PDB file of N, CA and C in Angstrom:
ATOM      1  N   UNK A   1      -7.614   0.170  -1.166  1.00  0.00           N
ATOM      2  CA  UNK A   1      -6.764   1.230  -1.555  1.00  0.00           C
ATOM      3  C   UNK A   1      -6.621   2.116  -0.296  1.00  0.00           C
ATOM      4  N   UNK A   2      -5.514   2.729  -0.239  1.00  0.00           N
ATOM      5  CA  UNK A   2      -5.287   3.658   0.829  1.00  0.00           C
ATOM      6  C   UNK A   2      -4.353   4.749   0.205  1.00  0.00           C
ATOM      7  N   UNK A   3      -4.462   5.861   0.894  1.00  0.00           N
ATOM      8  CA  UNK A   3      -3.678   7.106   0.311  1.00  0.00           C
ATOM      9  C   UNK A   3      -2.315   7.102   1.056  1.00  0.00           C
ATOM     10  N   UNK A   4      -1.452   7.802   0.472  1.00  0.00           N
ATOM     11  CA  UNK A   4      -0.037   7.918   0.972  1.00  0.00           C
ATOM     12  C   UNK A   4       0.068   9.068   1.879  1.00  0.00           C
ATOM     13  N   UNK A   5      -0.995   9.870   2.145  1.00  0.00           N
ATOM     14  CA  UNK A   5      -1.064  11.049   2.774  1.00  0.00           C
ATOM     15  C   UNK A   5      -0.955  10.725   4.384  1.00  0.00           C
ATOM     16  N   UNK A   6       0.152  10.442   4.867  1.00  0.00           N
ATOM     17  CA  UNK A   6       0.326  10.008   6.393  1.00  0.00           C
ATOM     18  C   UNK A   6       1.537  10.751   6.854  1.00  0.00           C
ATOM     19  N   UNK A   7       1.891  10.410   8.102  1.00  0.00           N
ATOM     20  CA  UNK A   7       3.145  11.030   8.554  1.00  0.00           C
ATOM     21  C   UNK A   7       4.482  10.865   7.869  1.00  0.00           C
ATOM     22  N   UNK A   8       4.680   9.683   7.409  1.00  0.00           N
ATOM     23  CA  UNK A   8       5.853   9.356   6.647  1.00  0.00           C
ATOM     24  C   UNK A   8       5.876  10.239   5.295  1.00  0.00           C
ATOM     25  N   UNK A   9       4.834  10.197   4.677  1.00  0.00           N
ATOM     26  CA  UNK A   9       4.827  10.891   3.346  1.00  0.00           C
ATOM     27  C   UNK A   9       4.798  12.506   3.560  1.00  0.00           C
ATOM     28  N   UNK A  10       4.444  12.884   4.648  1.00  0.00           N
ATOM     29  CA  UNK A  10       4.484  14.358   4.832  1.00  0.00           C
ATOM     30  C   UNK A  10       5.834  14.918   5.371  1.00  0.00           C
ATOM     31  N   UNK A  11       6.775  13.864   5.681  1.00  0.00           N
ATOM     32  CA  UNK A  11       8.006  14.422   6.251  1.00  0.00           C
ATOM     33  C   UNK A  11       8.740  15.182   5.150  1.00  0.00           C
ATOM     34  N   UNK A  12       8.719  14.793   3.910  1.00  0.00           N
ATOM     35  CA  UNK A  12       9.375  15.394   2.814  1.00  0.00           C
ATOM     36  C   UNK A  12       8.669  15.219   1.642  1.00  0.00           C
ATOM     37  N   UNK A  13       8.736  16.211   0.732  1.00  0.00           N
ATOM     38  CA  UNK A  13       8.061  16.042  -0.594  1.00  0.00           C
ATOM     39  C   UNK A  13       8.900  15.503  -1.679  1.00  0.00           C
ATOM     40  N   UNK A  14      10.070  15.086  -1.447  1.00  0.00           N
ATOM     41  CA  UNK A  14      10.922  14.579  -2.513  1.00  0.00           C
ATOM     42  C   UNK A  14      10.406  13.186  -2.972  1.00  0.00           C
ATOM     43  N   UNK A  15      10.740  12.738  -4.089  1.00  0.00           N
ATOM     44  CA  UNK A  15      10.281  11.493  -4.644  1.00  0.00           C
ATOM     45  C   UNK A  15      10.701  10.260  -3.880  1.00  0.00           C
ATOM     46  N   UNK A  16      12.002  10.268  -3.400  1.00  0.00           N
ATOM     47  CA  UNK A  16      12.464   9.193  -2.675  1.00  0.00           C
ATOM     48  C   UNK A  16      11.719   8.968  -1.351  1.00  0.00           C
ATOM     49  N   UNK A  17      11.461  10.112  -0.591  1.00  0.00           N
ATOM     50  CA  UNK A  17      10.628   9.882   0.676  1.00  0.00           C
ATOM     51  C   UNK A  17       9.276   9.451   0.343  1.00  0.00           C
ATOM     52  N   UNK A  18       8.622   9.932  -0.636  1.00  0.00           N
ATOM     53  CA  UNK A  18       7.251   9.563  -0.903  1.00  0.00           C
ATOM     54  C   UNK A  18       7.227   8.035  -1.303  1.00  0.00           C
ATOM     55  N   UNK A  19       8.236   7.684  -2.180  1.00  0.00           N
ATOM     56  CA  UNK A  19       8.281   6.161  -2.448  1.00  0.00           C
ATOM     57  C   UNK A  19       8.477   5.322  -1.169  1.00  0.00           C
ATOM     58  N   UNK A  20       9.408   5.711  -0.366  1.00  0.00           N
ATOM     59  CA  UNK A  20       9.652   4.979   0.825  1.00  0.00           C
ATOM     60  C   UNK A  20       8.530   4.833   1.735  1.00  0.00           C
ATOM     61  N   UNK A  21       7.723   6.000   1.808  1.00  0.00           N
ATOM     62  CA  UNK A  21       6.490   6.068   2.619  1.00  0.00           C
ATOM     63  C   UNK A  21       5.456   5.054   2.020  1.00  0.00           C
ATOM     64  N   UNK A  22       5.232   4.980   0.720  1.00  0.00           N
ATOM     65  CA  UNK A  22       4.438   4.077   0.071  1.00  0.00           C
ATOM     66  C   UNK A  22       4.805   2.563   0.429  1.00  0.00           C
ATOM     67  N   UNK A  23       6.124   2.223   0.243  1.00  0.00           N
ATOM     68  CA  UNK A  23       6.649   1.005   0.534  1.00  0.00           C
ATOM     69  C   UNK A  23       6.338   0.559   2.027  1.00  0.00           C
ATOM     70  N   UNK A  24       6.583   1.467   2.967  1.00  0.00           N
ATOM     71  CA  UNK A  24       6.295   1.227   4.300  1.00  0.00           C
ATOM     72  C   UNK A  24       4.761   0.926   4.438  1.00  0.00           C
ATOM     73  N   UNK A  25       4.003   1.793   4.028  1.00  0.00           N
ATOM     74  CA  UNK A  25       2.443   1.524   4.120  1.00  0.00           C
ATOM     75  C   UNK A  25       2.065   0.208   3.527  1.00  0.00           C
ATOM     76  N   UNK A  26       2.675  -0.114   2.390  1.00  0.00           N
ATOM     77  CA  UNK A  26       2.258  -1.373   1.754  1.00  0.00           C
ATOM     78  C   UNK A  26       2.741  -2.638   2.646  1.00  0.00           C
ATOM     79  N   UNK A  27       3.966  -2.453   3.100  1.00  0.00           N
ATOM     80  CA  UNK A  27       4.507  -3.553   4.023  1.00  0.00           C
ATOM     81  C   UNK A  27       3.740  -3.683   5.230  1.00  0.00           C
ATOM     82  N   UNK A  28       3.272  -2.592   5.853  1.00  0.00           N
ATOM     83  CA  UNK A  28       2.431  -2.617   7.104  1.00  0.00           C
ATOM     84  C   UNK A  28       1.136  -3.301   6.824  1.00  0.00           C
ATOM     85  N   UNK A  29       0.677  -2.877   5.717  1.00  0.00           N
ATOM     86  CA  UNK A  29      -0.809  -3.320   5.306  1.00  0.00           C
ATOM     87  C   UNK A  29      -0.752  -4.898   5.096  1.00  0.00           C
ATOM     88  N   UNK A  30       0.360  -5.396   4.417  1.00  0.00           N
ATOM     89  CA  UNK A  30       0.424  -6.861   4.173  1.00  0.00           C
ATOM     90  C   UNK A  30       0.646  -7.600   5.422  1.00  0.00           C
ATOM     91  N   UNK A  31       1.384  -6.997   6.378  1.00  0.00           N
ATOM     92  CA  UNK A  31       1.640  -7.723   7.631  1.00  0.00           C
ATOM     93  C   UNK A  31       0.444  -7.778   8.475  1.00  0.00           C
ATOM     94  N   UNK A  32      -0.569  -6.984   8.366  1.00  0.00           N
ATOM     95  CA  UNK A  32      -1.616  -6.870   9.201  1.00  0.00           C
ATOM     96  C   UNK A  32      -3.014  -7.024   8.591  1.00  0.00           C
ATOM     97  N   UNK A  33      -3.089  -7.552   7.329  1.00  0.00           N
ATOM     98  CA  UNK A  33      -4.407  -7.734   6.845  1.00  0.00           C
ATOM     99  C   UNK A  33      -5.070  -8.904   7.465  1.00  0.00           C
ATOM    100  N   UNK A  34      -6.454  -8.952   7.350  1.00  0.00           N
ATOM    101  CA  UNK A  34      -7.225 -10.015   7.905  1.00  0.00           C
ATOM    102  C   UNK A  34      -7.011 -11.426   7.277  1.00  0.00           C
ATOM    103  N   UNK A  35      -6.611 -12.322   7.905  1.00  0.00           N
ATOM    104  CA  UNK A  35      -6.103 -13.673   7.304  1.00  0.00           C
ATOM    105  C   UNK A  35      -7.294 -14.397   6.869  1.00  0.00           C
ATOM    106  N   UNK A  36      -8.482 -13.863   7.057  1.00  0.00           N
ATOM    107  CA  UNK A  36      -9.738 -14.635   6.540  1.00  0.00           C
ATOM    108  C   UNK A  36      -9.711 -14.271   5.003  1.00  0.00           C
ATOM    109  N   UNK A  37      -8.954 -13.366   4.566  1.00  0.00           N
ATOM    110  CA  UNK A  37      -8.708 -13.028   3.218  1.00  0.00           C
ATOM    111  C   UNK A  37      -7.379 -13.408   2.673  1.00  0.00           C
ATOM    112  N   UNK A  38      -7.349 -13.714   1.254  1.00  0.00           N
ATOM    113  CA  UNK A  38      -6.054 -14.063   0.697  1.00  0.00           C
ATOM    114  C   UNK A  38      -5.675 -12.896  -0.272  1.00  0.00           C
ATOM    115  N   UNK A  39      -4.329 -12.742  -0.210  1.00  0.00           N
ATOM    116  CA  UNK A  39      -3.779 -11.696  -1.108  1.00  0.00           C
ATOM    117  C   UNK A  39      -3.723 -12.340  -2.554  1.00  0.00           C
ATOM    118  N   UNK A  40      -4.368 -11.659  -3.473  1.00  0.00           N
ATOM    119  CA  UNK A  40      -4.431 -12.076  -4.890  1.00  0.00           C
ATOM    120  C   UNK A  40      -3.275 -11.302  -5.766  1.00  0.00           C
ATOM    121  N   UNK A  41      -3.265  -9.990  -5.690  1.00  0.00           N
ATOM    122  CA  UNK A  41      -2.506  -9.236  -6.367  1.00  0.00           C
ATOM    123  C   UNK A  41      -2.112  -7.790  -5.916  1.00  0.00           C
ATOM    124  N   UNK A  42      -0.851  -7.405  -6.146  1.00  0.00           N
ATOM    125  CA  UNK A  42      -0.435  -6.043  -5.884  1.00  0.00           C
ATOM    126  C   UNK A  42      -0.214  -5.379  -7.171  1.00  0.00           C
ATOM    127  N   UNK A  43      -0.997  -4.395  -7.461  1.00  0.00           N
ATOM    128  CA  UNK A  43      -0.860  -3.784  -8.941  1.00  0.00           C
ATOM    129  C   UNK A  43       0.236  -2.733  -8.889  1.00  0.00           C
ATOM    130  N   UNK A  44       0.942  -2.641  -9.986  1.00  0.00           N
ATOM    131  CA  UNK A  44       1.971  -1.600 -10.196  1.00  0.00           C
ATOM    132  C   UNK A  44       1.261  -0.250 -10.248  1.00  0.00           C
ATOM    133  N   UNK A  45       1.608   0.710  -9.381  1.00  0.00           N
ATOM    134  CA  UNK A  45       0.957   2.040  -9.501  1.00  0.00           C
ATOM    135  C   UNK A  45       1.571   2.823 -10.630  1.00  0.00           C
ATOM    136  N   UNK A  46       0.806   3.700 -11.275  1.00  0.00           N
ATOM    137  CA  UNK A  46       1.224   4.693 -12.310  1.00  0.00           C
ATOM    138  C   UNK A  46       2.266   5.555 -11.775  1.00  0.00           C
ATOM    139  N   UNK A  47       3.021   6.232 -12.554  1.00  0.00           N
ATOM    140  CA  UNK A  47       4.100   6.945 -12.237  1.00  0.00           C
ATOM    141  C   UNK A  47       3.822   7.976 -11.110  1.00  0.00           C
ATOM    142  N   UNK A  48       2.703   8.761 -11.171  1.00  0.00           N
ATOM    143  CA  UNK A  48       2.344   9.814 -10.261  1.00  0.00           C
ATOM    144  C   UNK A  48       1.079   9.469  -9.502  1.00  0.00           C
ATOM    145  N   UNK A  49       0.841   8.174  -9.338  1.00  0.00           N
ATOM    146  CA  UNK A  49      -0.318   7.651  -8.589  1.00  0.00           C
ATOM    147  C   UNK A  49      -0.256   7.992  -7.077  1.00  0.00           C
ATOM    148  N   UNK A  50      -1.390   8.250  -6.611  1.00  0.00           N
ATOM    149  CA  UNK A  50      -1.467   8.469  -5.100  1.00  0.00           C
ATOM    150  C   UNK A  50      -1.863   7.128  -4.441  1.00  0.00           C
ATOM    151  N   UNK A  51      -2.218   6.221  -5.234  1.00  0.00           N
ATOM    152  CA  UNK A  51      -2.660   4.907  -4.640  1.00  0.00           C
ATOM    153  C   UNK A  51      -1.818   3.635  -4.989  1.00  0.00           C
ATOM    154  N   UNK A  52      -1.727   2.616  -4.232  1.00  0.00           N
ATOM    155  CA  UNK A  52      -1.292   1.360  -4.531  1.00  0.00           C
ATOM    156  C   UNK A  52      -2.437   0.483  -4.434  1.00  0.00           C
ATOM    157  N   UNK A  53      -2.961  -0.079  -5.486  1.00  0.00           N
ATOM    158  CA  UNK A  53      -4.145  -0.968  -5.304  1.00  0.00           C
ATOM    159  C   UNK A  53      -3.689  -2.346  -5.094  1.00  0.00           C
ATOM    160  N   UNK A  54      -4.336  -3.105  -4.046  1.00  0.00           N
ATOM    161  CA  UNK A  54      -4.142  -4.410  -3.537  1.00  0.00           C
ATOM    162  C   UNK A  54      -5.445  -5.147  -3.629  1.00  0.00           C
ATOM    163  N   UNK A  55      -5.408  -6.362  -4.207  1.00  0.00           N
ATOM    164  CA  UNK A  55      -6.520  -7.069  -4.410  1.00  0.00           C
ATOM    165  C   UNK A  55      -6.539  -8.361  -3.464  1.00  0.00           C
ATOM    166  N   UNK A  56      -7.491  -8.499  -2.765  1.00  0.00           N
ATOM    167  CA  UNK A  56      -7.754  -9.656  -1.735  1.00  0.00           C
ATOM    168  C   UNK A  56      -8.983 -10.339  -2.213  1.00  0.00           C
ATOM    169  N   UNK A  57      -9.153 -11.545  -1.811  1.00  0.00           N
ATOM    170  CA  UNK A  57     -10.222 -12.363  -1.957  1.00  0.00           C
ATOM    171  C   UNK A  57     -10.614 -13.140  -0.663  1.00  0.00           C
ATOM    172  N   UNK A  58     -11.851 -13.242  -0.312  1.00  0.00           N
ATOM    173  CA  UNK A  58     -12.196 -13.910   0.904  1.00  0.00           C
ATOM    174  C   UNK A  58     -11.961 -15.443   0.646  1.00  0.00           C
ATOM    175  N   UNK A  59     -11.404 -16.088   1.698  1.00  0.00           N
ATOM    176  CA  UNK A  59     -11.144 -17.527   1.690  1.00  0.00           C
ATOM    177  C   UNK A  59     -12.414 -18.334   1.713  1.00  0.00           C
ATOM    178  N   UNK A  60     -12.418 -19.363   1.193  1.00  0.00           N
ATOM    179  CA  UNK A  60     -13.614 -20.334   1.244  1.00  0.00           C
ATOM    180  C   UNK A  60     -13.637 -21.319   2.219  1.00  0.00           C
ATOM    181  N   UNK A  61     -12.900 -21.049   3.355  1.00  0.00           N
ATOM    182  CA  UNK A  61     -12.752 -21.955   4.422  1.00  0.00           C
ATOM    183  C   UNK A  61     -13.825 -21.846   5.499  1.00  0.00           C
TER     184      UNK A  61
END
């Protein structure tokens, strides 16, 4: 889990800006995660959630 409190999220407090910041953080996280792990699931965050939960599992290789 990671918080959305970063430079993108702090540019504006409106809903659209915070949503775009969350999408950008998720995209960057998915592009850069350790490939020794596999992505299992991205959970849908609750309406006012500060977190997007992402589930990984260590590969058996």
